[in-house]
Amino acid sequence: MIPTLKTERLKLIPPNADCFALYEQFYTDAEASKMYGGPISKEQVWARLKADLGSWHLVGFGIWIIQLKANNNFIGTCGFWKGNDWPRELTWWVLPEARGKGVATEASKAALLHAYNEFKWDTVETYMNDENIAARVLVKKLEGVKTKRLKFIDGLSRDIYVLPKPA
């Protein structure tokens, strides 16, 4: 069973078919999704949602949907991803209208606590494209420490950050 996480303002819930509109809004918006492989077609959006749900069943972890407690709106995702031949990482995205409000930080801290306390992981890493300035700002807020730089199978090199357990 996929757990639900709760913070002061958020619920992190398992992905489900009701989240398709959220994924479609994000991944078909060229500007919003440019650091996440977008824009992509509606069928590719559906495949992405299915992959996020399937990750929980295949590898025992995955992403959660970020839901605001105040109005139950879906505003993004946060959790863990591991592609074939890619390192496991903390990942997140939020809709443009939800950015700059501490949502990604709050959700990431909840996911990190779950990884360290419940998954019993010794380390949690994240990485991002060099141009993803917003992600680098968040990694700094999470007190991430750059440990190495790797060349990935897509040909891009990325900095790898270890993220500590939040206090």
N, C-alpha and C. Protein backbone atom coordinates (compact mmCIF):
# COMPACT_ATOMS: atom_id res chain seq x y z
N MET A 1 0.84 -1.19 0.00
CA MET A 1 0.00 0.00 0.00
C MET A 1 0.88 1.26 0.00
N ILE A 2 0.54 2.20 -0.80
CA ILE A 2 1.29 3.45 -0.90
C ILE A 2 0.84 4.37 0.24
N PRO A 3 1.78 4.84 1.05
CA PRO A 3 1.39 5.69 2.17
C PRO A 3 0.99 7.09 1.72
N THR A 4 0.21 7.76 2.55
CA THR A 4 -0.10 9.18 2.39
C THR A 4 0.70 9.93 3.43
N LEU A 5 1.35 11.00 3.03
CA LEU A 5 2.13 11.83 3.95
C LEU A 5 1.37 13.14 4.17
N LYS A 6 1.51 13.70 5.36
CA LYS A 6 0.84 14.96 5.67
C LYS A 6 1.82 15.94 6.29
N THR A 7 1.68 17.20 5.87
CA THR A 7 2.47 18.29 6.42
C THR A 7 1.47 19.34 6.90
N GLU A 8 1.97 20.48 7.29
CA GLU A 8 1.08 21.54 7.77
C GLU A 8 0.05 21.94 6.72
N ARG A 9 0.49 22.12 5.47
CA ARG A 9 -0.41 22.60 4.42
C ARG A 9 -0.75 21.57 3.35
N LEU A 10 -0.05 20.44 3.35
CA LEU A 10 -0.13 19.52 2.22
C LEU A 10 -0.48 18.10 2.62
N LYS A 11 -1.04 17.39 1.64
CA LYS A 11 -1.14 15.94 1.68
C LYS A 11 -0.37 15.44 0.47
N LEU A 12 0.45 14.44 0.68
CA LEU A 12 1.13 13.77 -0.42
C LEU A 12 0.45 12.43 -0.57
N ILE A 13 -0.30 12.27 -1.67
CA ILE A 13 -1.15 11.11 -1.85
C ILE A 13 -0.66 10.26 -3.02
N PRO A 14 -1.05 8.99 -3.05
CA PRO A 14 -0.65 8.14 -4.18
C PRO A 14 -1.23 8.66 -5.49
N PRO A 15 -0.48 8.51 -6.57
CA PRO A 15 -1.02 8.89 -7.88
C PRO A 15 -2.18 7.99 -8.26
N ASN A 16 -3.13 8.55 -9.00
CA ASN A 16 -4.28 7.78 -9.47
C ASN A 16 -4.84 8.46 -10.72
N ALA A 17 -5.82 7.83 -11.33
CA ALA A 17 -6.36 8.34 -12.60
C ALA A 17 -6.95 9.75 -12.46
N ASP A 18 -7.40 10.12 -11.26
CA ASP A 18 -7.95 11.46 -11.05
C ASP A 18 -6.89 12.56 -11.21
N CYS A 19 -5.62 12.17 -11.23
CA CYS A 19 -4.53 13.14 -11.33
C CYS A 19 -4.15 13.45 -12.78
N PHE A 20 -4.82 12.81 -13.72
CA PHE A 20 -4.44 13.00 -15.12
C PHE A 20 -4.50 14.47 -15.55
N ALA A 21 -5.53 15.19 -15.12
CA ALA A 21 -5.65 16.60 -15.52
C ALA A 21 -4.46 17.42 -15.01
N LEU A 22 -3.98 17.12 -13.82
CA LEU A 22 -2.79 17.78 -13.29
C LEU A 22 -1.59 17.51 -14.18
N TYR A 23 -1.36 16.25 -14.49
CA TYR A 23 -0.23 15.88 -15.35
C TYR A 23 -0.35 16.54 -16.73
N GLU A 24 -1.54 16.51 -17.27
CA GLU A 24 -1.75 17.10 -18.59
C GLU A 24 -1.48 18.61 -18.55
N GLN A 25 -1.96 19.28 -17.53
CA GLN A 25 -1.74 20.72 -17.41
C GLN A 25 -0.25 21.03 -17.36
N PHE A 26 0.49 20.25 -16.59
CA PHE A 26 1.93 20.49 -16.44
C PHE A 26 2.71 20.10 -17.69
N TYR A 27 2.55 18.86 -18.13
CA TYR A 27 3.42 18.33 -19.18
C TYR A 27 3.10 18.84 -20.58
N THR A 28 1.95 19.43 -20.82
CA THR A 28 1.67 20.01 -22.13
C THR A 28 1.99 21.49 -22.17
N ASP A 29 2.39 22.05 -21.04
CA ASP A 29 2.82 23.45 -20.96
C ASP A 29 4.33 23.48 -21.20
N ALA A 30 4.73 24.00 -22.35
CA ALA A 30 6.14 23.97 -22.74
C ALA A 30 7.05 24.66 -21.72
N GLU A 31 6.66 25.80 -21.23
CA GLU A 31 7.50 26.54 -20.27
C GLU A 31 7.55 25.82 -18.93
N ALA A 32 6.42 25.36 -18.43
CA ALA A 32 6.37 24.71 -17.11
C ALA A 32 7.17 23.43 -17.07
N SER A 33 7.12 22.66 -18.16
CA SER A 33 7.70 21.31 -18.15
C SER A 33 9.04 21.18 -18.86
N LYS A 34 9.64 22.29 -19.26
CA LYS A 34 10.85 22.22 -20.08
C LYS A 34 12.01 21.49 -19.39
N MET A 35 12.09 21.52 -18.08
CA MET A 35 13.17 20.83 -17.37
C MET A 35 12.82 19.37 -17.07
N TYR A 36 11.63 18.95 -17.49
CA TYR A 36 11.14 17.60 -17.20
C TYR A 36 10.77 16.84 -18.47
N GLY A 37 11.38 17.21 -19.59
CA GLY A 37 11.16 16.49 -20.83
C GLY A 37 9.95 16.95 -21.63
N GLY A 38 9.31 18.01 -21.21
CA GLY A 38 8.11 18.48 -21.90
C GLY A 38 8.44 19.55 -22.92
N PRO A 39 7.46 19.93 -23.70
CA PRO A 39 6.09 19.42 -23.64
C PRO A 39 5.99 18.05 -24.31
N ILE A 40 5.00 17.29 -23.85
CA ILE A 40 4.75 15.97 -24.42
C ILE A 40 3.29 15.84 -24.79
N SER A 41 2.98 14.84 -25.61
CA SER A 41 1.61 14.63 -26.07
C SER A 41 0.72 14.10 -24.95
N LYS A 42 -0.58 14.17 -25.17
CA LYS A 42 -1.55 13.68 -24.19
C LYS A 42 -1.33 12.19 -23.90
N GLU A 43 -1.02 11.40 -24.92
CA GLU A 43 -0.77 9.97 -24.71
C GLU A 43 0.50 9.75 -23.90
N GLN A 44 1.52 10.57 -24.14
CA GLN A 44 2.75 10.47 -23.35
C GLN A 44 2.51 10.90 -21.90
N VAL A 45 1.63 11.86 -21.70
CA VAL A 45 1.25 12.29 -20.34
C VAL A 45 0.62 11.10 -19.60
N TRP A 46 -0.29 10.41 -20.26
CA TRP A 46 -0.94 9.25 -19.66
C TRP A 46 0.11 8.19 -19.30
N ALA A 47 1.06 7.96 -20.19
CA ALA A 47 2.12 6.98 -19.93
C ALA A 47 2.97 7.42 -18.74
N ARG A 48 3.22 8.70 -18.61
CA ARG A 48 4.02 9.21 -17.48
C ARG A 48 3.29 8.96 -16.16
N LEU A 49 2.00 9.24 -16.13
CA LEU A 49 1.21 8.97 -14.92
C LEU A 49 1.22 7.48 -14.58
N LYS A 50 1.04 6.64 -15.59
CA LYS A 50 1.06 5.19 -15.35
C LYS A 50 2.42 4.74 -14.84
N ALA A 51 3.49 5.32 -15.36
CA ALA A 51 4.84 4.97 -14.90
C ALA A 51 5.04 5.39 -13.45
N ASP A 52 4.55 6.57 -13.09
CA ASP A 52 4.70 7.03 -11.70
C ASP A 52 3.95 6.12 -10.73
N LEU A 53 2.77 5.69 -11.11
CA LEU A 53 2.03 4.75 -10.27
C LEU A 53 2.72 3.39 -10.26
N GLY A 54 3.14 2.92 -11.40
CA GLY A 54 3.78 1.61 -11.50
C GLY A 54 5.08 1.51 -10.74
N SER A 55 5.79 2.61 -10.59
CA SER A 55 7.05 2.61 -9.86
C SER A 55 6.88 2.05 -8.45
N TRP A 56 5.80 2.42 -7.79
CA TRP A 56 5.55 1.93 -6.43
C TRP A 56 5.48 0.40 -6.42
N HIS A 57 4.88 -0.16 -7.43
CA HIS A 57 4.68 -1.61 -7.48
C HIS A 57 5.93 -2.36 -7.97
N LEU A 58 6.72 -1.71 -8.82
CA LEU A 58 7.92 -2.36 -9.35
C LEU A 58 9.13 -2.25 -8.44
N VAL A 59 9.34 -1.08 -7.84
CA VAL A 59 10.55 -0.86 -7.06
C VAL A 59 10.31 -0.50 -5.60
N GLY A 60 9.04 -0.35 -5.21
CA GLY A 60 8.72 -0.11 -3.80
C GLY A 60 8.77 1.34 -3.36
N PHE A 61 8.96 2.25 -4.30
CA PHE A 61 8.92 3.67 -4.00
C PHE A 61 8.49 4.41 -5.26
N GLY A 62 8.18 5.69 -5.11
CA GLY A 62 7.76 6.48 -6.26
C GLY A 62 7.44 7.89 -5.85
N ILE A 63 6.62 8.54 -6.63
CA ILE A 63 6.25 9.92 -6.34
C ILE A 63 4.85 9.96 -5.75
N TRP A 64 4.60 11.04 -5.04
CA TRP A 64 3.27 11.35 -4.52
C TRP A 64 2.72 12.56 -5.26
N ILE A 65 1.42 12.68 -5.26
CA ILE A 65 0.75 13.87 -5.76
C ILE A 65 0.68 14.86 -4.62
N ILE A 66 1.06 16.10 -4.86
CA ILE A 66 0.96 17.15 -3.84
C ILE A 66 -0.44 17.74 -3.91
N GLN A 67 -1.15 17.66 -2.80
CA GLN A 67 -2.52 18.16 -2.71
C GLN A 67 -2.58 19.19 -1.58
N LEU A 68 -3.17 20.33 -1.85
CA LEU A 68 -3.36 21.34 -0.82
C LEU A 68 -4.47 20.90 0.13
N LYS A 69 -4.22 20.95 1.42
CA LYS A 69 -5.25 20.60 2.40
C LYS A 69 -6.41 21.60 2.36
N ALA A 70 -6.09 22.87 2.12
CA ALA A 70 -7.09 23.94 2.20
C ALA A 70 -8.24 23.76 1.21
N ASN A 71 -7.94 23.25 -0.01
CA ASN A 71 -9.00 23.15 -1.02
C ASN A 71 -8.97 21.84 -1.82
N ASN A 72 -8.07 20.92 -1.44
CA ASN A 72 -7.91 19.62 -2.10
C ASN A 72 -7.41 19.70 -3.54
N ASN A 73 -6.92 20.85 -3.97
CA ASN A 73 -6.38 20.98 -5.32
C ASN A 73 -5.06 20.23 -5.45
N PHE A 74 -4.87 19.59 -6.60
CA PHE A 74 -3.60 18.96 -6.94
C PHE A 74 -2.70 20.03 -7.54
N ILE A 75 -1.45 20.15 -7.04
CA ILE A 75 -0.59 21.23 -7.52
C ILE A 75 0.79 20.77 -7.98
N GLY A 76 1.08 19.48 -7.88
CA GLY A 76 2.38 19.01 -8.33
C GLY A 76 2.67 17.60 -7.85
N THR A 77 3.94 17.22 -7.96
CA THR A 77 4.37 15.90 -7.50
C THR A 77 5.68 16.05 -6.73
N CYS A 78 5.95 15.06 -5.89
CA CYS A 78 7.21 15.00 -5.17
C CYS A 78 7.42 13.56 -4.73
N GLY A 79 8.64 13.11 -4.81
CA GLY A 79 8.94 11.75 -4.36
C GLY A 79 10.21 11.25 -4.99
N PHE A 80 10.24 9.96 -5.28
CA PHE A 80 11.48 9.32 -5.71
C PHE A 80 11.29 8.63 -7.05
N TRP A 81 12.32 8.76 -7.86
CA TRP A 81 12.30 8.24 -9.22
C TRP A 81 13.60 7.51 -9.48
N LYS A 82 13.52 6.45 -10.25
CA LYS A 82 14.72 5.75 -10.69
C LYS A 82 14.45 5.16 -12.06
N GLY A 83 15.08 5.74 -13.05
CA GLY A 83 14.99 5.19 -14.39
C GLY A 83 15.94 4.01 -14.54
N ASN A 84 15.77 3.26 -15.59
CA ASN A 84 16.67 2.16 -15.88
C ASN A 84 18.06 2.72 -16.14
N ASP A 85 19.06 2.25 -15.40
CA ASP A 85 20.44 2.72 -15.50
C ASP A 85 20.63 4.18 -15.07
N TRP A 86 19.73 4.68 -14.24
CA TRP A 86 19.86 6.02 -13.66
C TRP A 86 19.90 5.85 -12.14
N PRO A 87 20.58 6.76 -11.42
CA PRO A 87 20.53 6.68 -9.96
C PRO A 87 19.16 7.07 -9.42
N ARG A 88 18.84 6.54 -8.26
CA ARG A 88 17.59 6.92 -7.58
C ARG A 88 17.73 8.36 -7.11
N GLU A 89 16.63 9.12 -7.22
CA GLU A 89 16.70 10.52 -6.84
C GLU A 89 15.39 11.03 -6.25
N LEU A 90 15.51 12.07 -5.44
CA LEU A 90 14.36 12.87 -5.03
C LEU A 90 14.02 13.77 -6.19
N THR A 91 12.76 13.83 -6.55
CA THR A 91 12.33 14.69 -7.66
C THR A 91 11.03 15.39 -7.28
N TRP A 92 10.71 16.44 -8.00
CA TRP A 92 9.51 17.20 -7.72
C TRP A 92 9.21 18.09 -8.91
N TRP A 93 7.96 18.48 -9.04
CA TRP A 93 7.55 19.58 -9.92
C TRP A 93 6.25 20.13 -9.37
N VAL A 94 6.05 21.42 -9.57
CA VAL A 94 4.79 22.06 -9.17
C VAL A 94 4.31 22.95 -10.30
N LEU A 95 3.00 23.13 -10.35
CA LEU A 95 2.42 24.01 -11.36
C LEU A 95 2.95 25.42 -11.18
N PRO A 96 3.05 26.18 -12.27
CA PRO A 96 3.59 27.55 -12.17
C PRO A 96 2.90 28.41 -11.12
N GLU A 97 1.59 28.30 -10.98
CA GLU A 97 0.88 29.15 -10.02
C GLU A 97 1.14 28.76 -8.57
N ALA A 98 1.74 27.60 -8.34
CA ALA A 98 2.05 27.15 -6.98
C ALA A 98 3.52 27.37 -6.62
N ARG A 99 4.30 27.87 -7.54
CA ARG A 99 5.72 28.07 -7.30
C ARG A 99 5.97 29.30 -6.43
N GLY A 100 7.10 29.27 -5.73
CA GLY A 100 7.49 30.42 -4.91
C GLY A 100 6.74 30.53 -3.61
N LYS A 101 6.07 29.48 -3.19
CA LYS A 101 5.26 29.50 -1.97
C LYS A 101 5.73 28.47 -0.94
N GLY A 102 6.88 27.86 -1.20
CA GLY A 102 7.43 26.90 -0.26
C GLY A 102 6.84 25.50 -0.36
N VAL A 103 6.01 25.27 -1.37
CA VAL A 103 5.35 23.98 -1.52
C VAL A 103 6.37 22.86 -1.79
N ALA A 104 7.27 23.08 -2.73
CA ALA A 104 8.25 22.05 -3.08
C ALA A 104 9.17 21.76 -1.89
N THR A 105 9.52 22.78 -1.14
CA THR A 105 10.36 22.58 0.04
C THR A 105 9.63 21.75 1.09
N GLU A 106 8.40 22.11 1.38
CA GLU A 106 7.60 21.39 2.38
C GLU A 106 7.37 19.94 1.97
N ALA A 107 7.03 19.72 0.72
CA ALA A 107 6.79 18.36 0.22
C ALA A 107 8.10 17.56 0.22
N SER A 108 9.19 18.18 -0.19
CA SER A 108 10.47 17.48 -0.24
C SER A 108 10.94 17.06 1.15
N LYS A 109 10.75 17.91 2.13
CA LYS A 109 11.13 17.55 3.50
C LYS A 109 10.32 16.35 3.99
N ALA A 110 9.04 16.32 3.68
CA ALA A 110 8.21 15.17 4.08
C ALA A 110 8.68 13.90 3.39
N ALA A 111 9.00 13.99 2.11
CA ALA A 111 9.49 12.82 1.38
C ALA A 111 10.84 12.36 1.92
N LEU A 112 11.72 13.30 2.22
CA LEU A 112 13.02 12.94 2.78
C LEU A 112 12.88 12.25 4.14
N LEU A 113 12.02 12.78 4.99
CA LEU A 113 11.79 12.13 6.29
C LEU A 113 11.29 10.71 6.10
N HIS A 114 10.39 10.53 5.16
CA HIS A 114 9.87 9.19 4.90
C HIS A 114 10.98 8.26 4.40
N ALA A 115 11.81 8.75 3.53
CA ALA A 115 12.91 7.92 3.00
C ALA A 115 13.86 7.48 4.10
N TYR A 116 14.23 8.41 4.95
CA TYR A 116 15.17 8.06 6.02
C TYR A 116 14.51 7.25 7.14
N ASN A 117 13.29 7.61 7.52
CA ASN A 117 12.64 6.95 8.66
C ASN A 117 11.92 5.65 8.30
N GLU A 118 11.25 5.61 7.15
CA GLU A 118 10.41 4.46 6.80
C GLU A 118 11.10 3.52 5.80
N PHE A 119 11.71 4.08 4.76
CA PHE A 119 12.43 3.24 3.80
C PHE A 119 13.77 2.79 4.38
N LYS A 120 14.25 3.53 5.40
CA LYS A 120 15.53 3.24 6.05
C LYS A 120 16.72 3.39 5.09
N TRP A 121 16.60 4.36 4.17
CA TRP A 121 17.68 4.61 3.24
C TRP A 121 18.83 5.30 3.98
N ASP A 122 20.05 4.94 3.63
CA ASP A 122 21.24 5.56 4.21
C ASP A 122 21.53 6.92 3.59
N THR A 123 21.11 7.08 2.35
CA THR A 123 21.38 8.33 1.66
C THR A 123 20.28 8.60 0.64
N VAL A 124 20.03 9.88 0.42
CA VAL A 124 19.09 10.31 -0.62
C VAL A 124 19.82 11.33 -1.48
N GLU A 125 19.76 11.12 -2.78
CA GLU A 125 20.43 12.02 -3.72
C GLU A 125 19.40 12.68 -4.63
N THR A 126 19.84 13.74 -5.25
CA THR A 126 19.07 14.37 -6.32
C THR A 126 20.06 14.94 -7.33
N TYR A 127 19.57 15.20 -8.52
CA TYR A 127 20.37 15.79 -9.59
C TYR A 127 19.42 16.51 -10.52
N MET A 128 19.96 17.42 -11.31
CA MET A 128 19.12 18.19 -12.22
C MET A 128 19.97 18.74 -13.36
N ASN A 129 19.29 19.18 -14.40
CA ASN A 129 20.00 19.83 -15.51
C ASN A 129 20.69 21.08 -15.00
N ASP A 130 21.81 21.42 -15.59
CA ASP A 130 22.57 22.59 -15.15
C ASP A 130 21.75 23.87 -15.23
N GLU A 131 20.81 23.95 -16.16
CA GLU A 131 20.02 25.17 -16.36
C GLU A 131 18.86 25.30 -15.37
N ASN A 132 18.61 24.27 -14.57
CA ASN A 132 17.45 24.28 -13.67
C ASN A 132 17.79 25.03 -12.38
N ILE A 133 17.76 26.35 -12.47
CA ILE A 133 18.13 27.22 -11.36
C ILE A 133 17.18 27.03 -10.17
N ALA A 134 15.88 26.91 -10.43
CA ALA A 134 14.91 26.74 -9.34
C ALA A 134 15.21 25.48 -8.54
N ALA A 135 15.58 24.40 -9.21
CA ALA A 135 15.90 23.15 -8.50
C ALA A 135 17.16 23.34 -7.65
N ARG A 136 18.13 24.06 -8.16
CA ARG A 136 19.35 24.29 -7.39
C ARG A 136 19.07 25.13 -6.15
N VAL A 137 18.16 26.09 -6.25
CA VAL A 137 17.77 26.89 -5.08
C VAL A 137 17.12 25.99 -4.03
N LEU A 138 16.25 25.10 -4.48
CA LEU A 138 15.59 24.19 -3.54
C LEU A 138 16.60 23.25 -2.88
N VAL A 139 17.54 22.73 -3.64
CA VAL A 139 18.56 21.84 -3.08
C VAL A 139 19.36 22.57 -1.99
N LYS A 140 19.63 23.84 -2.21
CA LYS A 140 20.33 24.64 -1.20
C LYS A 140 19.47 24.76 0.06
N LYS A 141 18.17 25.03 -0.10
CA LYS A 141 17.26 25.12 1.05
C LYS A 141 17.22 23.80 1.82
N LEU A 142 17.35 22.70 1.11
CA LEU A 142 17.32 21.37 1.73
C LEU A 142 18.70 20.96 2.27
N GLU A 143 19.67 21.88 2.16
CA GLU A 143 21.03 21.68 2.65
C GLU A 143 21.76 20.55 1.93
N GLY A 144 21.46 20.42 0.63
CA GLY A 144 22.13 19.42 -0.18
C GLY A 144 23.61 19.73 -0.35
N VAL A 145 24.40 18.67 -0.43
CA VAL A 145 25.85 18.79 -0.60
C VAL A 145 26.25 18.09 -1.90
N LYS A 146 26.91 18.84 -2.77
CA LYS A 146 27.38 18.27 -4.03
C LYS A 146 28.49 17.26 -3.73
N THR A 147 28.30 16.05 -4.25
CA THR A 147 29.29 15.00 -3.99
C THR A 147 30.04 14.55 -5.23
N LYS A 148 29.43 14.75 -6.40
CA LYS A 148 30.10 14.32 -7.63
C LYS A 148 29.35 14.86 -8.84
N ARG A 149 29.92 14.62 -9.98
CA ARG A 149 29.28 14.97 -11.25
C ARG A 149 29.37 13.72 -12.12
N LEU A 150 28.24 13.34 -12.71
CA LEU A 150 28.18 12.14 -13.54
C LEU A 150 27.66 12.47 -14.93
N LYS A 151 28.16 11.72 -15.91
CA LYS A 151 27.61 11.80 -17.26
C LYS A 151 26.54 10.72 -17.35
N PHE A 152 25.34 11.11 -17.78
CA PHE A 152 24.19 10.21 -17.84
C PHE A 152 24.04 9.64 -19.24
N ILE A 153 23.20 8.62 -19.36
CA ILE A 153 23.04 7.94 -20.64
C ILE A 153 22.41 8.81 -21.71
N ASP A 154 21.82 9.95 -21.32
CA ASP A 154 21.28 10.88 -22.32
C ASP A 154 22.35 11.83 -22.84
N GLY A 155 23.60 11.67 -22.36
CA GLY A 155 24.70 12.50 -22.82
C GLY A 155 24.95 13.74 -21.98
N LEU A 156 24.04 14.07 -21.05
CA LEU A 156 24.22 15.24 -20.20
C LEU A 156 24.96 14.89 -18.93
N SER A 157 25.79 15.81 -18.47
CA SER A 157 26.44 15.67 -17.17
C SER A 157 25.63 16.45 -16.14
N ARG A 158 25.52 15.87 -14.94
CA ARG A 158 24.73 16.49 -13.89
C ARG A 158 25.49 16.39 -12.56
N ASP A 159 25.30 17.44 -11.72
CA ASP A 159 25.83 17.40 -10.37
C ASP A 159 24.92 16.52 -9.53
N ILE A 160 25.51 15.71 -8.65
CA ILE A 160 24.78 14.84 -7.74
C ILE A 160 24.89 15.45 -6.34
N TYR A 161 23.77 15.62 -5.70
CA TYR A 161 23.72 16.18 -4.35
C TYR A 161 23.17 15.14 -3.39
N VAL A 162 23.78 15.04 -2.21
CA VAL A 162 23.24 14.23 -1.13
C VAL A 162 22.40 15.17 -0.27
N LEU A 163 21.19 14.72 0.05
CA LEU A 163 20.28 15.51 0.86
C LEU A 163 20.17 14.90 2.26
N PRO A 164 20.42 15.70 3.29
CA PRO A 164 20.37 15.16 4.65
C PRO A 164 18.92 14.98 5.14
N LYS A 165 18.80 14.22 6.20
CA LYS A 165 17.50 14.07 6.85
C LYS A 165 17.12 15.41 7.47
N PRO A 166 15.93 15.92 7.17
CA PRO A 166 15.51 17.21 7.74
C PRO A 166 15.40 17.14 9.27
N ALA A 167 15.67 18.25 9.90
CA ALA A 167 15.58 18.31 11.37
C ALA A 167 14.13 18.29 11.81
